[in-house]
Amino acid sequence: MPALLEELKDIHSDSFGWALACCAWHQDQAEDVLQEAYLRVLDGRAVFGRKSSIKTWFFGVIRLVAADVKRSHTRHSLMKQRMVPEILMRERDTARQNSPPVEALHEGETSRQLRQALLQLSQRQREILHLVFYCELTLEEAAATVQVSVGSARTHYHRGKEGLLRLLSESDTYA
């Protein structure tokens, strides 16, 4: 376990970047997801089976935790909408007013355009592109992380790059 924890420590910044990507760049949610992923490792709910690299395995854990959190937030949000819609509106307005300062990763017009373009791609395309470009995983490792075949990962990678190029070209034309 100490060796595993040491390797997780070494990939922490990549793990946080992946958590951000899984949470559509909501920093608070990404922090919660990453913390929960670490807790699952520590308490034995996520066990490294040595079928892939630690990085690939842990990114899969993060992805599953993010999906759990998203489902939980959706259920919670639906309940709140049914019970007290006016409170939901006030919370949303307060959240907008109190949003945290944007980190260096999110600064600048180019980063903003890139994030907007990425959000227009399918979730699978975003995931594959993030894993390959930012986390420097191979297509095979990215496929294992998001639990798709290598062929499917290649298709999402190719279509994602084409879509990103098209969207960024359009934003340059109209900017």
N, C-alpha and C. Protein backbone atom coordinates (compact mmCIF):
# COMPACT_ATOMS: atom_id res chain seq x y z
N MET A 1 0.82 -1.20 0.00
CA MET A 1 0.00 0.00 0.00
C MET A 1 0.86 1.26 0.00
N PRO A 2 1.97 1.33 0.73
CA PRO A 2 2.79 2.55 0.69
C PRO A 2 3.30 2.87 -0.71
N ALA A 3 3.67 1.86 -1.49
CA ALA A 3 4.16 2.09 -2.86
C ALA A 3 3.03 2.65 -3.73
N LEU A 4 1.83 2.11 -3.56
CA LEU A 4 0.66 2.59 -4.30
C LEU A 4 0.39 4.05 -3.96
N LEU A 5 0.41 4.37 -2.68
CA LEU A 5 0.16 5.75 -2.25
C LEU A 5 1.23 6.70 -2.78
N GLU A 6 2.45 6.23 -2.83
CA GLU A 6 3.54 7.07 -3.36
C GLU A 6 3.31 7.35 -4.85
N GLU A 7 2.88 6.33 -5.59
CA GLU A 7 2.61 6.54 -7.02
C GLU A 7 1.41 7.45 -7.22
N LEU A 8 0.40 7.32 -6.38
CA LEU A 8 -0.76 8.21 -6.47
C LEU A 8 -0.35 9.65 -6.17
N LYS A 9 0.56 9.81 -5.24
CA LYS A 9 1.07 11.14 -4.92
C LYS A 9 1.79 11.74 -6.13
N ASP A 10 2.55 10.92 -6.85
CA ASP A 10 3.29 11.38 -8.02
C ASP A 10 2.37 11.84 -9.15
N ILE A 11 1.18 11.24 -9.26
CA ILE A 11 0.27 11.60 -10.35
C ILE A 11 -0.87 12.50 -9.88
N HIS A 12 -0.71 13.11 -8.73
CA HIS A 12 -1.80 13.92 -8.16
C HIS A 12 -2.25 15.05 -9.09
N SER A 13 -1.33 15.81 -9.66
CA SER A 13 -1.77 16.94 -10.50
C SER A 13 -2.49 16.44 -11.75
N ASP A 14 -2.02 15.35 -12.35
CA ASP A 14 -2.74 14.77 -13.49
C ASP A 14 -4.11 14.26 -13.05
N SER A 15 -4.17 13.69 -11.86
CA SER A 15 -5.44 13.18 -11.34
C SER A 15 -6.43 14.32 -11.13
N PHE A 16 -5.95 15.45 -10.62
CA PHE A 16 -6.84 16.59 -10.42
C PHE A 16 -7.30 17.13 -11.77
N GLY A 17 -6.41 17.20 -12.75
CA GLY A 17 -6.80 17.64 -14.08
C GLY A 17 -7.87 16.73 -14.68
N TRP A 18 -7.72 15.43 -14.47
CA TRP A 18 -8.71 14.47 -14.98
C TRP A 18 -10.03 14.65 -14.23
N ALA A 19 -9.97 14.86 -12.91
CA ALA A 19 -11.19 15.10 -12.14
C ALA A 19 -11.90 16.36 -12.65
N LEU A 20 -11.14 17.40 -12.95
CA LEU A 20 -11.74 18.62 -13.51
C LEU A 20 -12.45 18.31 -14.82
N ALA A 21 -11.80 17.55 -15.67
CA ALA A 21 -12.40 17.21 -16.96
C ALA A 21 -13.67 16.38 -16.77
N CYS A 22 -13.66 15.47 -15.82
CA CYS A 22 -14.84 14.64 -15.54
C CYS A 22 -15.99 15.45 -14.94
N CYS A 23 -15.66 16.58 -14.34
CA CYS A 23 -16.67 17.42 -13.68
C CYS A 23 -16.95 18.70 -14.46
N ALA A 24 -16.67 18.71 -15.76
CA ALA A 24 -16.90 19.87 -16.62
C ALA A 24 -16.26 21.13 -16.04
N TRP A 25 -15.10 20.97 -15.48
CA TRP A 25 -14.27 22.05 -14.95
C TRP A 25 -14.90 22.81 -13.78
N HIS A 26 -15.74 22.13 -13.00
CA HIS A 26 -16.25 22.71 -11.76
C HIS A 26 -15.25 22.32 -10.66
N GLN A 27 -14.48 23.29 -10.21
CA GLN A 27 -13.36 23.01 -9.31
C GLN A 27 -13.81 22.36 -8.01
N ASP A 28 -14.85 22.90 -7.38
CA ASP A 28 -15.30 22.34 -6.10
C ASP A 28 -15.72 20.88 -6.25
N GLN A 29 -16.45 20.61 -7.30
CA GLN A 29 -16.91 19.24 -7.53
C GLN A 29 -15.72 18.33 -7.82
N ALA A 30 -14.74 18.82 -8.60
CA ALA A 30 -13.56 18.01 -8.92
C ALA A 30 -12.77 17.69 -7.66
N GLU A 31 -12.65 18.66 -6.75
CA GLU A 31 -11.94 18.41 -5.49
C GLU A 31 -12.65 17.33 -4.68
N ASP A 32 -13.98 17.40 -4.63
CA ASP A 32 -14.76 16.39 -3.91
C ASP A 32 -14.60 15.01 -4.53
N VAL A 33 -14.64 14.97 -5.86
CA VAL A 33 -14.50 13.69 -6.57
C VAL A 33 -13.13 13.08 -6.30
N LEU A 34 -12.09 13.90 -6.39
CA LEU A 34 -10.73 13.37 -6.16
C LEU A 34 -10.57 12.89 -4.72
N GLN A 35 -11.11 13.65 -3.79
CA GLN A 35 -11.03 13.23 -2.38
C GLN A 35 -11.75 11.90 -2.17
N GLU A 36 -12.92 11.76 -2.75
CA GLU A 36 -13.67 10.51 -2.62
C GLU A 36 -12.91 9.35 -3.27
N ALA A 37 -12.26 9.60 -4.39
CA ALA A 37 -11.47 8.55 -5.06
C ALA A 37 -10.34 8.09 -4.14
N TYR A 38 -9.64 9.05 -3.52
CA TYR A 38 -8.58 8.68 -2.58
C TYR A 38 -9.15 7.89 -1.39
N LEU A 39 -10.30 8.30 -0.90
CA LEU A 39 -10.92 7.59 0.23
C LEU A 39 -11.27 6.15 -0.15
N ARG A 40 -11.76 5.96 -1.36
CA ARG A 40 -12.11 4.61 -1.81
C ARG A 40 -10.87 3.72 -1.88
N VAL A 41 -9.75 4.31 -2.25
CA VAL A 41 -8.51 3.53 -2.27
C VAL A 41 -8.09 3.18 -0.85
N LEU A 42 -8.13 4.19 0.03
CA LEU A 42 -7.67 3.98 1.41
C LEU A 42 -8.53 3.00 2.19
N ASP A 43 -9.85 3.05 1.98
CA ASP A 43 -10.71 2.15 2.76
C ASP A 43 -10.99 0.82 2.06
N GLY A 44 -10.35 0.60 0.91
CA GLY A 44 -10.45 -0.70 0.26
C GLY A 44 -11.62 -0.88 -0.69
N ARG A 45 -12.41 0.16 -0.93
CA ARG A 45 -13.52 0.02 -1.89
C ARG A 45 -13.01 0.02 -3.32
N ALA A 46 -11.83 0.59 -3.55
CA ALA A 46 -11.18 0.55 -4.87
C ALA A 46 -9.85 -0.16 -4.69
N VAL A 47 -9.70 -1.28 -5.34
CA VAL A 47 -8.51 -2.11 -5.17
C VAL A 47 -7.78 -2.24 -6.51
N PHE A 48 -6.49 -1.97 -6.49
CA PHE A 48 -5.68 -2.07 -7.70
C PHE A 48 -5.45 -3.54 -8.02
N GLY A 49 -5.97 -3.98 -9.17
CA GLY A 49 -5.88 -5.39 -9.56
C GLY A 49 -4.69 -5.72 -10.43
N ARG A 50 -3.82 -4.76 -10.69
CA ARG A 50 -2.60 -4.95 -11.48
C ARG A 50 -2.88 -5.40 -12.92
N LYS A 51 -4.07 -5.06 -13.46
CA LYS A 51 -4.39 -5.39 -14.84
C LYS A 51 -3.97 -4.27 -15.79
N SER A 52 -3.63 -3.11 -15.23
CA SER A 52 -3.21 -1.95 -16.02
C SER A 52 -2.22 -1.16 -15.17
N SER A 53 -1.83 0.00 -15.66
CA SER A 53 -0.95 0.84 -14.86
C SER A 53 -1.77 1.47 -13.72
N ILE A 54 -1.09 1.92 -12.70
CA ILE A 54 -1.78 2.56 -11.57
C ILE A 54 -2.50 3.81 -12.05
N LYS A 55 -1.87 4.55 -12.95
CA LYS A 55 -2.49 5.78 -13.46
C LYS A 55 -3.79 5.47 -14.18
N THR A 56 -3.78 4.49 -15.06
CA THR A 56 -4.98 4.11 -15.80
C THR A 56 -6.07 3.64 -14.84
N TRP A 57 -5.70 2.80 -13.89
CA TRP A 57 -6.65 2.29 -12.91
C TRP A 57 -7.25 3.43 -12.08
N PHE A 58 -6.41 4.32 -11.57
CA PHE A 58 -6.90 5.39 -10.70
C PHE A 58 -7.77 6.38 -11.48
N PHE A 59 -7.42 6.64 -12.74
CA PHE A 59 -8.27 7.51 -13.56
C PHE A 59 -9.65 6.89 -13.76
N GLY A 60 -9.69 5.56 -13.85
CA GLY A 60 -10.98 4.87 -13.93
C GLY A 60 -11.77 5.05 -12.64
N VAL A 61 -11.09 4.98 -11.51
CA VAL A 61 -11.75 5.20 -10.21
C VAL A 61 -12.33 6.62 -10.17
N ILE A 62 -11.54 7.60 -10.59
CA ILE A 62 -12.00 8.99 -10.60
C ILE A 62 -13.24 9.13 -11.48
N ARG A 63 -13.20 8.51 -12.65
CA ARG A 63 -14.32 8.59 -13.58
C ARG A 63 -15.59 8.00 -12.97
N LEU A 64 -15.47 6.87 -12.31
CA LEU A 64 -16.64 6.25 -11.68
C LEU A 64 -17.17 7.10 -10.53
N VAL A 65 -16.28 7.67 -9.73
CA VAL A 65 -16.70 8.54 -8.63
C VAL A 65 -17.42 9.76 -9.19
N ALA A 66 -16.88 10.35 -10.26
CA ALA A 66 -17.52 11.52 -10.87
C ALA A 66 -18.92 11.18 -11.37
N ALA A 67 -19.08 10.01 -11.95
CA ALA A 67 -20.41 9.58 -12.42
C ALA A 67 -21.36 9.40 -11.23
N ASP A 68 -20.87 8.82 -10.14
CA ASP A 68 -21.69 8.68 -8.92
C ASP A 68 -22.12 10.03 -8.39
N VAL A 69 -21.17 10.97 -8.34
CA VAL A 69 -21.47 12.31 -7.82
C VAL A 69 -22.48 13.01 -8.72
N LYS A 70 -22.30 12.86 -10.03
CA LYS A 70 -23.23 13.50 -10.97
C LYS A 70 -24.65 12.95 -10.78
N ARG A 71 -24.77 11.62 -10.64
CA ARG A 71 -26.09 11.02 -10.41
C ARG A 71 -26.69 11.52 -9.11
N SER A 72 -25.87 11.59 -8.08
CA SER A 72 -26.33 12.07 -6.78
C SER A 72 -26.79 13.52 -6.85
N HIS A 73 -26.01 14.36 -7.51
CA HIS A 73 -26.38 15.77 -7.65
C HIS A 73 -27.66 15.92 -8.46
N THR A 74 -27.83 15.09 -9.49
CA THR A 74 -29.03 15.15 -10.32
C THR A 74 -30.26 14.78 -9.50
N ARG A 75 -30.16 13.70 -8.74
CA ARG A 75 -31.30 13.29 -7.89
C ARG A 75 -31.62 14.37 -6.86
N HIS A 76 -30.58 14.89 -6.23
CA HIS A 76 -30.76 15.93 -5.21
C HIS A 76 -31.38 17.18 -5.83
N SER A 77 -30.91 17.55 -7.00
CA SER A 77 -31.41 18.73 -7.69
C SER A 77 -32.88 18.55 -8.06
N LEU A 78 -33.24 17.38 -8.56
CA LEU A 78 -34.63 17.13 -8.91
C LEU A 78 -35.54 17.21 -7.69
N MET A 79 -35.08 16.68 -6.57
CA MET A 79 -35.87 16.75 -5.35
C MET A 79 -36.07 18.20 -4.92
N LYS A 80 -35.00 18.98 -4.99
CA LYS A 80 -35.09 20.39 -4.60
C LYS A 80 -36.04 21.15 -5.52
N GLN A 81 -36.01 20.85 -6.81
CA GLN A 81 -36.87 21.55 -7.75
C GLN A 81 -38.34 21.24 -7.48
N ARG A 82 -38.62 20.04 -7.08
CA ARG A 82 -40.00 19.66 -6.79
C ARG A 82 -40.48 20.30 -5.49
N MET A 83 -39.57 20.40 -4.51
CA MET A 83 -40.00 20.85 -3.18
C MET A 83 -40.00 22.37 -3.06
N VAL A 84 -38.92 23.04 -3.41
CA VAL A 84 -38.85 24.48 -3.21
C VAL A 84 -38.09 25.16 -4.35
N PRO A 85 -38.76 25.44 -5.47
CA PRO A 85 -38.06 26.01 -6.60
C PRO A 85 -37.47 27.40 -6.33
N GLU A 86 -38.13 28.20 -5.51
CA GLU A 86 -37.60 29.54 -5.24
C GLU A 86 -36.29 29.51 -4.47
N ILE A 87 -36.08 28.52 -3.60
CA ILE A 87 -34.82 28.37 -2.89
C ILE A 87 -33.72 28.00 -3.88
N LEU A 88 -34.05 27.15 -4.83
CA LEU A 88 -33.08 26.75 -5.85
C LEU A 88 -32.62 27.97 -6.64
N MET A 89 -33.53 28.85 -6.99
CA MET A 89 -33.17 30.05 -7.75
C MET A 89 -32.24 30.93 -6.92
N ARG A 90 -32.54 31.11 -5.64
CA ARG A 90 -31.68 31.93 -4.78
C ARG A 90 -30.30 31.32 -4.64
N GLU A 91 -30.22 29.99 -4.49
CA GLU A 91 -28.93 29.32 -4.37
C GLU A 91 -28.10 29.49 -5.64
N ARG A 92 -28.74 29.38 -6.79
CA ARG A 92 -28.03 29.54 -8.05
C ARG A 92 -27.48 30.96 -8.18
N ASP A 93 -28.27 31.96 -7.84
CA ASP A 93 -27.82 33.34 -7.92
C ASP A 93 -26.66 33.60 -6.95
N THR A 94 -26.76 33.05 -5.74
CA THR A 94 -25.69 33.20 -4.76
C THR A 94 -24.41 32.53 -5.24
N ALA A 95 -24.54 31.34 -5.83
CA ALA A 95 -23.37 30.61 -6.33
C ALA A 95 -22.68 31.42 -7.44
N ARG A 96 -23.46 32.06 -8.28
CA ARG A 96 -22.87 32.87 -9.35
C ARG A 96 -22.10 34.05 -8.77
N GLN A 97 -22.66 34.67 -7.73
CA GLN A 97 -22.02 35.83 -7.13
C GLN A 97 -20.75 35.44 -6.37
N ASN A 98 -20.75 34.25 -5.77
CA ASN A 98 -19.64 33.82 -4.93
C ASN A 98 -18.70 32.85 -5.63
N SER A 99 -18.71 32.81 -6.96
CA SER A 99 -17.85 31.84 -7.64
C SER A 99 -16.39 32.19 -7.38
N PRO A 100 -15.55 31.16 -7.15
CA PRO A 100 -14.15 31.38 -6.80
C PRO A 100 -13.36 31.96 -7.97
N PRO A 101 -12.25 32.63 -7.68
CA PRO A 101 -11.43 33.15 -8.77
C PRO A 101 -10.93 32.01 -9.65
N VAL A 102 -10.78 32.29 -10.89
CA VAL A 102 -10.38 31.28 -11.87
C VAL A 102 -8.89 31.04 -11.78
N GLU A 103 -8.48 29.79 -11.81
CA GLU A 103 -7.06 29.43 -11.72
C GLU A 103 -6.36 29.68 -13.05
N ALA A 104 -5.07 29.59 -13.02
CA ALA A 104 -4.26 29.85 -14.21
C ALA A 104 -4.67 28.96 -15.38
N LEU A 105 -5.10 27.73 -15.09
CA LEU A 105 -5.53 26.82 -16.15
C LEU A 105 -6.67 27.41 -16.95
N HIS A 106 -7.49 28.22 -16.29
CA HIS A 106 -8.69 28.74 -16.93
C HIS A 106 -8.52 30.17 -17.43
N GLU A 107 -7.36 30.75 -17.26
CA GLU A 107 -7.16 32.14 -17.60
C GLU A 107 -6.97 32.34 -19.09
N GLY A 108 -7.34 33.53 -19.54
CA GLY A 108 -7.08 33.91 -20.91
C GLY A 108 -8.18 33.55 -21.86
N GLU A 109 -8.28 34.31 -22.90
CA GLU A 109 -9.31 34.12 -23.92
C GLU A 109 -9.13 32.78 -24.64
N THR A 110 -7.91 32.41 -24.93
CA THR A 110 -7.67 31.15 -25.64
C THR A 110 -8.15 29.97 -24.82
N SER A 111 -7.85 29.99 -23.52
CA SER A 111 -8.32 28.90 -22.65
C SER A 111 -9.84 28.86 -22.60
N ARG A 112 -10.45 30.03 -22.55
CA ARG A 112 -11.92 30.10 -22.50
C ARG A 112 -12.51 29.51 -23.79
N GLN A 113 -11.93 29.88 -24.93
CA GLN A 113 -12.43 29.35 -26.20
C GLN A 113 -12.23 27.84 -26.28
N LEU A 114 -11.09 27.37 -25.80
CA LEU A 114 -10.83 25.93 -25.82
C LEU A 114 -11.83 25.19 -24.94
N ARG A 115 -12.06 25.71 -23.72
CA ARG A 115 -13.03 25.06 -22.82
C ARG A 115 -14.42 25.04 -23.44
N GLN A 116 -14.84 26.15 -24.06
CA GLN A 116 -16.16 26.19 -24.68
C GLN A 116 -16.25 25.18 -25.83
N ALA A 117 -15.20 25.10 -26.62
CA ALA A 117 -15.19 24.14 -27.72
C ALA A 117 -15.23 22.71 -27.19
N LEU A 118 -14.45 22.43 -26.16
CA LEU A 118 -14.43 21.07 -25.59
C LEU A 118 -15.80 20.69 -25.05
N LEU A 119 -16.49 21.65 -24.44
CA LEU A 119 -17.82 21.35 -23.87
C LEU A 119 -18.86 21.07 -24.96
N GLN A 120 -18.57 21.45 -26.20
CA GLN A 120 -19.50 21.16 -27.29
C GLN A 120 -19.29 19.77 -27.89
N LEU A 121 -18.16 19.15 -27.55
CA LEU A 121 -17.90 17.78 -28.01
C LEU A 121 -18.70 16.82 -27.13
N SER A 122 -18.81 15.59 -27.58
CA SER A 122 -19.46 14.58 -26.74
C SER A 122 -18.59 14.32 -25.50
N GLN A 123 -19.21 13.83 -24.47
CA GLN A 123 -18.47 13.55 -23.23
C GLN A 123 -17.34 12.57 -23.50
N ARG A 124 -17.59 11.54 -24.27
CA ARG A 124 -16.58 10.53 -24.55
C ARG A 124 -15.40 11.13 -25.30
N GLN A 125 -15.68 12.01 -26.29
CA GLN A 125 -14.60 12.66 -27.03
C GLN A 125 -13.77 13.54 -26.10
N ARG A 126 -14.44 14.30 -25.22
CA ARG A 126 -13.72 15.13 -24.25
C ARG A 126 -12.83 14.28 -23.36
N GLU A 127 -13.37 13.18 -22.87
CA GLU A 127 -12.60 12.31 -21.98
C GLU A 127 -11.35 11.77 -22.67
N ILE A 128 -11.53 11.24 -23.87
CA ILE A 128 -10.39 10.65 -24.59
C ILE A 128 -9.35 11.72 -24.90
N LEU A 129 -9.76 12.87 -25.41
CA LEU A 129 -8.81 13.94 -25.71
C LEU A 129 -8.06 14.39 -24.46
N HIS A 130 -8.77 14.53 -23.35
CA HIS A 130 -8.11 14.96 -22.11
C HIS A 130 -7.07 13.94 -21.66
N LEU A 131 -7.44 12.69 -21.68
CA LEU A 131 -6.52 11.65 -21.23
C LEU A 131 -5.27 11.57 -22.10
N VAL A 132 -5.45 11.72 -23.41
CA VAL A 132 -4.31 11.61 -24.32
C VAL A 132 -3.44 12.87 -24.28
N PHE A 133 -4.07 14.04 -24.35
CA PHE A 133 -3.28 15.28 -24.44
C PHE A 133 -2.76 15.76 -23.10
N TYR A 134 -3.62 15.83 -22.09
CA TYR A 134 -3.21 16.41 -20.82
C TYR A 134 -2.56 15.40 -19.88
N CYS A 135 -3.06 14.17 -19.91
CA CYS A 135 -2.54 13.16 -18.98
C CYS A 135 -1.51 12.26 -19.64
N GLU A 136 -1.28 12.46 -20.92
CA GLU A 136 -0.27 11.74 -21.67
C GLU A 136 -0.43 10.21 -21.61
N LEU A 137 -1.69 9.76 -21.65
CA LEU A 137 -1.94 8.33 -21.73
C LEU A 137 -1.95 7.92 -23.20
N THR A 138 -1.64 6.68 -23.46
CA THR A 138 -1.78 6.16 -24.81
C THR A 138 -3.27 5.95 -25.09
N LEU A 139 -3.62 5.74 -26.35
CA LEU A 139 -5.02 5.47 -26.67
C LEU A 139 -5.49 4.18 -25.98
N GLU A 140 -4.60 3.21 -25.86
CA GLU A 140 -4.95 1.96 -25.20
C GLU A 140 -5.26 2.21 -23.72
N GLU A 141 -4.44 3.02 -23.07
CA GLU A 141 -4.67 3.33 -21.65
C GLU A 141 -5.94 4.17 -21.48
N ALA A 142 -6.15 5.12 -22.38
CA ALA A 142 -7.36 5.95 -22.33
C ALA A 142 -8.61 5.07 -22.51
N ALA A 143 -8.53 4.12 -23.44
CA ALA A 143 -9.65 3.21 -23.67
C ALA A 143 -9.95 2.40 -22.42
N ALA A 144 -8.92 1.91 -21.76
CA ALA A 144 -9.12 1.14 -20.53
C ALA A 144 -9.71 2.03 -19.43
N THR A 145 -9.28 3.27 -19.36
CA THR A 145 -9.77 4.18 -18.33
C THR A 145 -11.25 4.45 -18.47
N VAL A 146 -11.71 4.70 -19.70
CA VAL A 146 -13.13 5.00 -19.91
C VAL A 146 -13.95 3.77 -20.28
N GLN A 147 -13.30 2.62 -20.24
CA GLN A 147 -13.94 1.32 -20.44
C GLN A 147 -14.63 1.19 -21.80
N VAL A 148 -13.85 1.49 -22.86
CA VAL A 148 -14.30 1.26 -24.23
C VAL A 148 -13.21 0.49 -24.96
N SER A 149 -13.53 -0.03 -26.13
CA SER A 149 -12.52 -0.74 -26.91
C SER A 149 -11.51 0.27 -27.46
N VAL A 150 -10.34 -0.23 -27.84
CA VAL A 150 -9.31 0.64 -28.41
C VAL A 150 -9.82 1.26 -29.72
N GLY A 151 -10.52 0.49 -30.52
CA GLY A 151 -11.08 1.01 -31.77
C GLY A 151 -12.06 2.15 -31.52
N SER A 152 -12.90 1.99 -30.52
CA SER A 152 -13.85 3.05 -30.16
C SER A 152 -13.10 4.29 -29.67
N ALA A 153 -12.06 4.08 -28.88
CA ALA A 153 -11.26 5.21 -28.39
C ALA A 153 -10.61 5.95 -29.55
N ARG A 154 -10.11 5.20 -30.53
CA ARG A 154 -9.50 5.83 -31.72
C ARG A 154 -10.53 6.67 -32.47
N THR A 155 -11.73 6.14 -32.61
CA THR A 155 -12.79 6.88 -33.31
C THR A 155 -13.14 8.16 -32.56
N HIS A 156 -13.32 8.06 -31.24
CA HIS A 156 -13.64 9.26 -30.44
C HIS A 156 -12.50 10.27 -30.49
N TYR A 157 -11.27 9.78 -30.48
CA TYR A 157 -10.09 10.63 -30.54
C TYR A 157 -10.07 11.38 -31.87
N HIS A 158 -10.24 10.66 -32.95
CA HIS A 158 -10.21 11.26 -34.29
C HIS A 158 -11.34 12.27 -34.47
N ARG A 159 -12.57 11.86 -34.12
CA ARG A 159 -13.72 12.77 -34.27
C ARG A 159 -13.62 13.96 -33.33
N GLY A 160 -13.07 13.74 -32.15
CA GLY A 160 -12.89 14.83 -31.20
C GLY A 160 -11.92 15.87 -31.71
N LYS A 161 -10.79 15.41 -32.28
CA LYS A 161 -9.81 16.34 -32.84
C LYS A 161 -10.41 17.12 -34.01
N GLU A 162 -11.13 16.43 -34.89
CA GLU A 162 -11.77 17.11 -36.02
C GLU A 162 -12.80 18.13 -35.54
N GLY A 163 -13.62 17.73 -34.58
CA GLY A 163 -14.64 18.64 -34.04
C GLY A 163 -14.02 19.85 -33.37
N LEU A 164 -12.96 19.62 -32.62
CA LEU A 164 -12.27 20.71 -31.93
C LEU A 164 -11.68 21.68 -32.95
N LEU A 165 -11.06 21.16 -33.97
CA LEU A 165 -10.50 22.01 -35.02
C LEU A 165 -11.59 22.84 -35.68
N ARG A 166 -12.71 22.21 -36.00
CA ARG A 166 -13.82 22.91 -36.64
C ARG A 166 -14.36 24.01 -35.71
N LEU A 167 -14.59 23.67 -34.46
CA LEU A 167 -15.15 24.64 -33.51
C LEU A 167 -14.20 25.81 -33.25
N LEU A 168 -12.91 25.51 -33.11
CA LEU A 168 -11.95 26.59 -32.87
C LEU A 168 -11.77 27.46 -34.12
N SER A 169 -11.84 26.85 -35.29
CA SER A 169 -11.76 27.62 -36.53
C SER A 169 -12.95 28.55 -36.66
N GLU A 170 -14.15 28.07 -36.30
CA GLU A 170 -15.35 28.90 -36.34
C GLU A 170 -15.25 30.05 -35.37
N SER A 171 -14.72 29.80 -34.17
CA SER A 171 -14.63 30.87 -33.17
C SER A 171 -13.61 31.92 -33.60
N ASP A 172 -12.56 31.52 -34.33
CA ASP A 172 -11.58 32.48 -34.86
C ASP A 172 -12.22 33.34 -35.95
N THR A 173 -13.09 32.74 -36.75
CA THR A 173 -13.74 33.44 -37.85
C THR A 173 -14.66 34.54 -37.33
N TYR A 174 -15.38 34.24 -36.25
CA TYR A 174 -16.39 35.18 -35.75
C TYR A 174 -15.88 36.03 -34.61
N ALA A 175 -14.67 35.78 -34.12
CA ALA A 175 -14.17 36.53 -32.97
C ALA A 175 -13.70 37.92 -33.37
